[in-house]
Protein backbone atom coordinates (compact mmCIF):
# COMPACT_ATOMS: atom_id res chain seq x y z
CA UNK A 1 0.00 0.00 0.00
CA UNK A 2 1.08 3.56 -0.59
CA UNK A 3 2.68 5.60 2.14
CA UNK A 4 0.52 8.50 3.23
CA UNK A 5 1.48 11.87 4.55
CA UNK A 6 1.01 11.82 8.27
CA UNK A 7 0.18 14.06 11.16
CA UNK A 8 2.48 16.29 13.15
CA UNK A 9 1.51 14.30 16.24
CA UNK A 10 0.54 10.66 16.15
CA UNK A 11 -0.86 9.02 19.28
CA UNK A 12 -1.08 5.24 19.46
CA UNK A 13 -3.72 4.45 22.05
CA UNK A 14 -7.16 5.82 22.80
CA UNK A 15 -7.21 5.50 26.58
CA UNK A 16 -7.26 8.36 29.04
CA UNK A 17 -3.51 9.00 28.60
CA UNK A 18 -3.62 9.09 24.80
CA UNK A 19 -6.70 11.24 24.50
CA UNK A 20 -5.58 13.66 27.22
CA UNK A 21 -2.30 14.07 25.36
CA UNK A 22 -4.16 14.76 22.10
CA UNK A 23 -6.39 17.25 23.93
CA UNK A 24 -3.40 19.11 25.43
CA UNK A 25 -1.57 19.11 22.10
CA UNK A 26 -4.63 20.64 20.44
CA UNK A 27 -4.83 23.33 23.15
CA UNK A 28 -1.12 24.11 22.78
CA UNK A 29 -0.96 23.97 18.97
CA UNK A 30 -4.24 24.78 17.23
CA UNK A 31 -2.70 24.39 13.76
CA UNK A 32 -1.07 20.99 14.32
CA UNK A 33 -2.37 17.88 12.62
CA UNK A 34 -3.13 15.24 15.25
CA UNK A 35 -4.15 11.62 14.76
CA UNK A 36 -5.04 8.83 17.17
CA UNK A 37 -4.74 5.15 16.28
CA UNK A 38 -6.80 2.64 18.26
CA UNK A 39 -8.08 -0.85 17.58
CA UNK A 40 -11.20 -0.18 19.65
CA UNK A 41 -13.82 1.67 17.56
CA UNK A 42 -15.45 3.31 20.58
CA UNK A 43 -14.65 6.82 21.76
CA UNK A 44 -12.43 6.99 24.84
CA UNK A 45 -14.10 5.50 27.91
CA UNK A 46 -13.33 4.77 31.54
CA UNK A 47 -12.05 1.20 31.37
CA UNK A 48 -11.99 0.71 35.19
CA UNK A 49 -15.76 1.40 35.25
CA UNK A 50 -16.49 -1.57 32.96
CA UNK A 51 -16.87 -3.97 35.89
CA UNK A 52 -19.49 -1.62 37.39
CA UNK A 53 -21.19 -1.50 34.00
CA UNK A 54 -21.30 -5.30 33.96
CA UNK A 55 -22.74 -5.33 37.49
CA UNK A 56 -25.45 -2.87 36.46
CA UNK A 57 -24.23 -0.06 38.72
CA UNK A 58 -23.13 2.21 35.86
CA UNK A 59 -25.18 2.91 32.74
CA UNK A 60 -23.34 2.79 29.41
CA UNK A 61 -23.74 6.54 28.79
CA UNK A 62 -21.67 7.21 31.95
CA UNK A 63 -18.67 5.26 30.61
CA UNK A 64 -17.62 7.85 28.03
CA UNK A 65 -14.70 10.06 29.05
CA UNK A 66 -15.35 12.51 26.21
CA UNK A 67 -18.30 13.20 23.95
CA UNK A 68 -18.78 11.07 20.84
CA UNK A 69 -18.02 14.17 18.74
CA UNK A 70 -14.76 14.92 20.62
CA UNK A 71 -12.42 13.97 17.76
CA UNK A 72 -14.35 15.95 15.17
CA UNK A 73 -14.82 18.90 17.52
CA UNK A 74 -11.04 19.04 18.15
CA UNK A 75 -10.00 18.30 14.56
CA UNK A 76 -8.34 15.03 15.55
CA UNK A 77 -8.22 12.23 13.00
CA UNK A 78 -9.25 8.88 14.50
CA UNK A 79 -7.95 5.72 12.83
CA UNK A 80 -9.64 2.48 13.85
CA UNK A 81 -6.68 0.23 13.18
CA UNK A 82 -3.75 -1.34 14.98
CA UNK A 83 -0.11 -0.33 14.78
CA UNK A 84 1.79 -3.32 13.44
CA UNK A 85 5.31 -1.86 13.17
CA UNK A 86 7.11 1.36 14.00
CA UNK A 87 10.19 2.58 12.15
CA UNK A 88 11.58 5.41 14.28
CA UNK A 89 14.40 6.16 11.81
CA UNK A 90 11.88 6.82 9.01
CA UNK A 91 9.20 8.26 11.31
CA UNK A 92 6.62 5.80 10.00
CA UNK A 93 4.03 3.50 11.51
CA UNK A 94 2.73 0.57 9.50
CA UNK A 95 -0.86 -0.23 10.39
CA UNK A 96 -2.36 -3.71 10.44
CA UNK A 97 -4.46 -2.72 7.40
CA UNK A 98 -1.23 -2.22 5.46
CA UNK A 99 -1.35 1.56 5.39
CA UNK A 100 1.69 3.53 6.47
CA UNK A 101 1.57 6.84 8.28
CA UNK A 102 4.40 9.31 8.62
CA UNK A 103 4.66 11.38 11.77
CA UNK A 104 6.83 14.09 13.26
CA UNK A 105 6.21 13.21 16.92
CA UNK A 106 4.94 9.88 18.25
CA UNK A 107 3.38 9.00 21.60
CA UNK A 108 2.90 5.38 22.59
CA UNK A 109 -0.06 5.29 24.97
CA UNK A 110 -1.28 1.83 24.06
CA UNK A 111 -1.77 0.59 27.63
CA UNK A 112 -1.81 -3.06 28.59
CA UNK A 113 -3.69 -6.10 27.40
CA UNK A 114 -5.34 -8.58 29.69
CA UNK A 115 -3.75 -12.00 29.54
CA UNK A 116 -5.78 -14.61 27.71
CA UNK A 117 -6.23 -18.13 28.96
CA UNK A 118 -3.98 -20.65 27.29
CA UNK A 119 -5.84 -23.91 27.81
CA UNK A 120 -8.25 -26.21 25.96
CA UNK A 121 -11.71 -24.71 25.51
CA UNK A 122 -10.79 -21.06 25.09
CA UNK A 123 -12.16 -21.20 21.55
CA UNK A 124 -15.62 -22.35 22.69
CA UNK A 125 -18.68 -20.18 22.30
CA UNK A 126 -19.18 -17.97 25.35
CA UNK A 127 -15.54 -17.90 26.46
CA UNK A 128 -14.57 -14.25 26.47
CA UNK A 129 -11.66 -12.11 27.59
CA UNK A 130 -13.05 -8.91 29.07
CA UNK A 131 -11.13 -6.00 27.62
CA UNK A 132 -13.44 -3.63 25.72
CA UNK A 133 -16.98 -2.32 25.89
CA UNK A 134 -17.85 -4.73 23.06
CA UNK A 135 -16.64 -7.68 25.19
CA UNK A 136 -18.79 -6.57 28.12
CA UNK A 137 -21.80 -5.99 25.85
CA UNK A 138 -21.47 -9.57 24.54
CA UNK A 139 -21.42 -10.94 28.09
CA UNK A 140 -24.46 -8.88 29.08
CA UNK A 141 -26.36 -10.20 26.05
CA UNK A 142 -25.53 -13.80 27.00
CA UNK A 143 -26.31 -13.62 30.73
CA UNK A 144 -30.00 -14.41 30.32
CA UNK A 145 -29.20 -17.59 28.40
CA UNK A 146 -26.65 -19.22 30.74
CA UNK A 147 -27.04 -21.19 33.95
CA UNK A 148 -23.50 -20.82 35.29
CA UNK A 149 -20.74 -18.28 34.97
CA UNK A 150 -17.05 -18.79 35.70
CA UNK A 151 -14.91 -15.72 36.17
CA UNK A 152 -11.13 -16.10 35.99
CA UNK A 153 -8.45 -13.50 36.56
CA UNK A 154 -7.08 -11.03 39.06
CA UNK A 155 -9.21 -8.18 37.76
CA UNK A 156 -12.36 -10.26 37.44
CA UNK A 157 -15.61 -9.26 39.07
CA UNK A 158 -18.22 -11.89 39.94
CA UNK A 159 -20.91 -9.22 40.38
CA UNK A 160 -23.36 -9.72 37.56
CA UNK A 161 -26.81 -8.22 37.01
CA UNK A 162 -29.50 -10.42 38.48
CA UNK A 163 -27.01 -12.38 40.58
CA UNK A 164 -28.91 -13.44 43.72
CA UNK A 165 -28.60 -16.13 46.33
CA UNK A 166 -30.91 -18.31 44.19
CA UNK A 167 -28.61 -18.00 41.16
CA UNK A 168 -26.24 -20.97 40.80
CA UNK A 169 -22.87 -20.37 42.37
CA UNK A 170 -20.47 -18.22 40.36
CA UNK A 171 -16.98 -19.71 40.84
CA UNK A 172 -14.19 -17.17 40.74
CA UNK A 173 -10.67 -18.26 39.92
CA UNK A 174 -8.12 -15.56 40.63
CA UNK A 175 -4.65 -15.71 39.19
CA UNK A 176 -1.69 -15.28 41.51
């Protein structure tokens, strides 16, 4: 694919750190071209609040850290893609889609990924790693159709909507 002219500032990551950086850059340099690359198509949201969303304590509209029009309102280009390779010498980022972006300044604010289980059965229907709003939405859609839930991981929350003493036990396996 052809190399494209890129922004003055390129931010990889759409979490609170990345979007706050883009916001400050825009305030400091109104004429700069700014782009954000993220593999999550949703606007920036409060990831720690997702477990409260799953438990029914937080409504989805309270998850958003900025308005849905934030990027457009601040003239920030939002690429739904994933950075596949960075060439600092050439000031380029190759995206998973094959596109290449040039940049003048680069910020890596890509955060962390939750570890996935590495055992038989992880490919079965209903087995999900909770990372994004889409993951949590899938779990919420499935809850009415399951009899048991197993939660595994150090950040896992067994608090699910409708979970009562009459609901079958929800085993929680926490990693060390």
